[in-house]
Each structure stands twice: as structure tokens, then as C-alpha cells.
């Protein structure tokens, strides 16, 4: 069988039986301590009247004139910040393995 496994600092993290896709492995990291720590650095206020210009320029905050606030764009954050963090700190590797049933 083949599956995708997540490693961090040489240790297996996540499901010990792996994931069916690379995308599924990355998705499983949502909600982890690393994810929440990184998210809170950028998503400091979901709806705000002002946001740092750098984050606006990156597309992470979008102005909604109908409600007069900036809203955080998690999809942009995921592409520009989180996926790069995963690539730097985790290894997602496709491996072949056998399942052995015991009596």
C-alpha cells in the first residue's frame, strides 16, 4: 500500500497509517499548535477597521465596504504563509508499507 506520511524533526506526526493524498496530509495539520501559533501572528482580528498595510498589500486583509471593515482572508494566508511553513518545517513523504494482521 502507498500513503503519505508527515515527519517533523525526523519523527512521524499525524496518523500512523498515513493519508491518501499529499493535500490530505497538509489538511490534517490544520488546528495543530503550529497552525494556531502561525495563524495568530496574522489573524489578530477577524473584522477590523484598520489592518497593517503590509498584510493588506499581501491580500490577507480585504476591505468590505458594505460593512466597513477589513476581513482576514485565510485562503491567501494558507497559500502565502502556512504552506511555506509546512514546506520548511515538515516533510510529507509518500511511502509504501504493508499491513500485517495478527491473530
C-alpha atoms as a PDB file:
ATOM      1  CA  UNK A   1       0.000   0.000   0.000  1.00  0.00           C
ATOM      2  CA  UNK A   2       1.075   3.594  -0.505  1.00  0.00           C
ATOM      3  CA  UNK A   3       0.270   6.518   1.732  1.00  0.00           C
ATOM      4  CA  UNK A   4       1.596   9.954   2.622  1.00  0.00           C
ATOM      5  CA  UNK A   5       3.248  10.375   5.992  1.00  0.00           C
ATOM      6  CA  UNK A   6       4.139  13.574   7.839  1.00  0.00           C
ATOM      7  CA  UNK A   7       7.509  13.959   9.542  1.00  0.00           C
ATOM      8  CA  UNK A   8       8.792  16.797  11.701  1.00  0.00           C
ATOM      9  CA  UNK A   9      12.300  16.761  13.143  1.00  0.00           C
ATOM     10  CA  UNK A  10      12.659  13.162  11.958  1.00  0.00           C
ATOM     11  CA  UNK A  11       9.615  11.995  13.927  1.00  0.00           C
ATOM     12  CA  UNK A  12       6.333  10.744  12.498  1.00  0.00           C
ATOM     13  CA  UNK A  13       3.454  13.105  13.284  1.00  0.00           C
ATOM     14  CA  UNK A  14      -0.196  12.726  12.476  1.00  0.00           C
ATOM     15  CA  UNK A  15      -1.802   9.459  11.509  1.00  0.00           C
ATOM     16  CA  UNK A  16       0.426   6.384  11.876  1.00  0.00           C
ATOM     17  CA  UNK A  17      -1.348   4.796   8.889  1.00  0.00           C
ATOM     18  CA  UNK A  18      -0.800   7.855   6.696  1.00  0.00           C
ATOM     19  CA  UNK A  19      -3.013   9.839   4.352  1.00  0.00           C
ATOM     20  CA  UNK A  20      -4.308   9.049   0.874  1.00  0.00           C
ATOM     21  CA  UNK A  21      -3.018  12.310  -0.641  1.00  0.00           C
ATOM     22  CA  UNK A  22      -0.401  14.981  -0.027  1.00  0.00           C
ATOM     23  CA  UNK A  23      -3.241  17.508   0.226  1.00  0.00           C
ATOM     24  CA  UNK A  24      -4.975  15.389   2.877  1.00  0.00           C
ATOM     25  CA  UNK A  25      -1.766  15.236   4.903  1.00  0.00           C
ATOM     26  CA  UNK A  26      -1.417  19.030   4.790  1.00  0.00           C
ATOM     27  CA  UNK A  27      -5.079  19.462   5.699  1.00  0.00           C
ATOM     28  CA  UNK A  28      -4.594  17.270   8.773  1.00  0.00           C
ATOM     29  CA  UNK A  29      -2.153  19.858  10.150  1.00  0.00           C
ATOM     30  CA  UNK A  30      -4.942  22.447  10.391  1.00  0.00           C
ATOM     31  CA  UNK A  31      -5.667  23.105  14.043  1.00  0.00           C
ATOM     32  CA  UNK A  32      -2.299  21.892  15.342  1.00  0.00           C
ATOM     33  CA  UNK A  33      -0.320  24.031  17.778  1.00  0.00           C
ATOM     34  CA  UNK A  34       1.996  25.155  14.952  1.00  0.00           C
ATOM     35  CA  UNK A  35      -1.003  26.123  12.824  1.00  0.00           C
ATOM     36  CA  UNK A  36      -2.662  28.113  15.601  1.00  0.00           C
ATOM     37  CA  UNK A  37       0.586  29.865  16.559  1.00  0.00           C
ATOM     38  CA  UNK A  38       1.228  30.922  12.947  1.00  0.00           C
ATOM     39  CA  UNK A  39      -2.380  31.938  12.375  1.00  0.00           C
ATOM     40  CA  UNK A  40      -2.498  34.194  15.441  1.00  0.00           C
ATOM     41  CA  UNK A  41       0.504  36.142  14.146  1.00  0.00           C
ATOM     42  CA  UNK A  42      -1.582  37.292  11.179  1.00  0.00           C
ATOM     43  CA  UNK A  43      -5.246  36.887  12.112  1.00  0.00           C
ATOM     44  CA  UNK A  44      -5.171  39.220  15.068  1.00  0.00           C
ATOM     45  CA  UNK A  45      -8.692  40.495  14.421  1.00  0.00           C
ATOM     46  CA  UNK A  46     -11.152  38.828  12.082  1.00  0.00           C
ATOM     47  CA  UNK A  47     -13.027  42.070  11.460  1.00  0.00           C
ATOM     48  CA  UNK A  48     -11.240  45.359  11.990  1.00  0.00           C
ATOM     49  CA  UNK A  49     -11.347  48.995  10.872  1.00  0.00           C
ATOM     50  CA  UNK A  50      -7.582  49.061  10.245  1.00  0.00           C
ATOM     51  CA  UNK A  51      -5.031  46.434   9.323  1.00  0.00           C
ATOM     52  CA  UNK A  52      -1.265  46.616   8.703  1.00  0.00           C
ATOM     53  CA  UNK A  53      -0.616  47.890   5.183  1.00  0.00           C
ATOM     54  CA  UNK A  54       1.837  45.054   4.520  1.00  0.00           C
ATOM     55  CA  UNK A  55      -0.898  42.466   5.156  1.00  0.00           C
ATOM     56  CA  UNK A  56      -3.374  44.415   3.033  1.00  0.00           C
ATOM     57  CA  UNK A  57      -0.814  44.527   0.202  1.00  0.00           C
ATOM     58  CA  UNK A  58      -0.330  40.756   0.502  1.00  0.00           C
ATOM     59  CA  UNK A  59      -4.103  40.265   0.191  1.00  0.00           C
ATOM     60  CA  UNK A  60      -4.515  38.822   3.675  1.00  0.00           C
ATOM     61  CA  UNK A  61      -6.991  41.510   4.675  1.00  0.00           C
ATOM     62  CA  UNK A  62      -9.711  42.635   2.281  1.00  0.00           C
ATOM     63  CA  UNK A  63     -11.860  45.742   2.721  1.00  0.00           C
ATOM     64  CA  UNK A  64     -15.608  45.106   2.659  1.00  0.00           C
ATOM     65  CA  UNK A  65     -17.269  48.477   2.121  1.00  0.00           C
ATOM     66  CA  UNK A  66     -20.745  47.086   2.783  1.00  0.00           C
ATOM     67  CA  UNK A  67     -19.833  46.578   6.437  1.00  0.00           C
ATOM     68  CA  UNK A  68     -16.852  48.995   6.616  1.00  0.00           C
ATOM     69  CA  UNK A  69     -14.280  46.523   7.911  1.00  0.00           C
ATOM     70  CA  UNK A  70     -11.257  44.542   6.827  1.00  0.00           C
ATOM     71  CA  UNK A  71     -11.764  40.783   6.917  1.00  0.00           C
ATOM     72  CA  UNK A  72      -8.989  38.239   7.145  1.00  0.00           C
ATOM     73  CA  UNK A  73      -8.583  36.052   4.047  1.00  0.00           C
ATOM     74  CA  UNK A  74      -7.497  32.638   5.325  1.00  0.00           C
ATOM     75  CA  UNK A  75      -7.102  31.193   1.815  1.00  0.00           C
ATOM     76  CA  UNK A  76      -4.450  33.800   0.966  1.00  0.00           C
ATOM     77  CA  UNK A  77      -2.751  33.243   4.340  1.00  0.00           C
ATOM     78  CA  UNK A  78      -2.725  29.488   3.713  1.00  0.00           C
ATOM     79  CA  UNK A  79      -1.085  29.897   0.296  1.00  0.00           C
ATOM     80  CA  UNK A  80       1.417  32.585   1.247  1.00  0.00           C
ATOM     81  CA  UNK A  81       2.310  31.690   4.840  1.00  0.00           C
ATOM     82  CA  UNK A  82       1.081  28.303   6.058  1.00  0.00           C
ATOM     83  CA  UNK A  83       2.055  26.182   3.036  1.00  0.00           C
ATOM     84  CA  UNK A  84       5.548  27.723   3.077  1.00  0.00           C
ATOM     85  CA  UNK A  85       5.809  26.968   6.788  1.00  0.00           C
ATOM     86  CA  UNK A  86       4.836  23.340   6.128  1.00  0.00           C
ATOM     87  CA  UNK A  87       7.451  23.059   3.369  1.00  0.00           C
ATOM     88  CA  UNK A  88      10.150  24.440   5.683  1.00  0.00           C
ATOM     89  CA  UNK A  89       9.325  22.577   8.916  1.00  0.00           C
ATOM     90  CA  UNK A  90       7.633  19.335   7.821  1.00  0.00           C
ATOM     91  CA  UNK A  91       8.331  16.599   5.318  1.00  0.00           C
ATOM     92  CA  UNK A  92       5.404  14.898   3.660  1.00  0.00           C
ATOM     93  CA  UNK A  93       6.658  11.706   2.075  1.00  0.00           C
ATOM     94  CA  UNK A  94       4.874   9.054   0.066  1.00  0.00           C
ATOM     95  CA  UNK A  95       5.900   5.645   1.343  1.00  0.00           C
ATOM     96  CA  UNK A  96       4.951   2.107   0.590  1.00  0.00           C
ATOM     97  CA  UNK A  97       4.057  -0.105   3.525  1.00  0.00           C
ATOM     98  CA  UNK A  98       2.496  -3.450   4.386  1.00  0.00           C
ATOM     99  CA  UNK A  99      -0.362  -4.117   6.734  1.00  0.00           C
ATOM    100  CA  UNK A 100       0.174  -7.195   8.863  1.00  0.00           C
ATOM    101  CA  UNK A 101      -2.758  -8.715  10.726  1.00  0.00           C
ATOM    102  CA  UNK A 102      -2.047 -10.521  13.972  1.00  0.00           C
ATOM    103  CA  UNK A 103      -4.114 -13.393  15.352  1.00  0.00           C
END
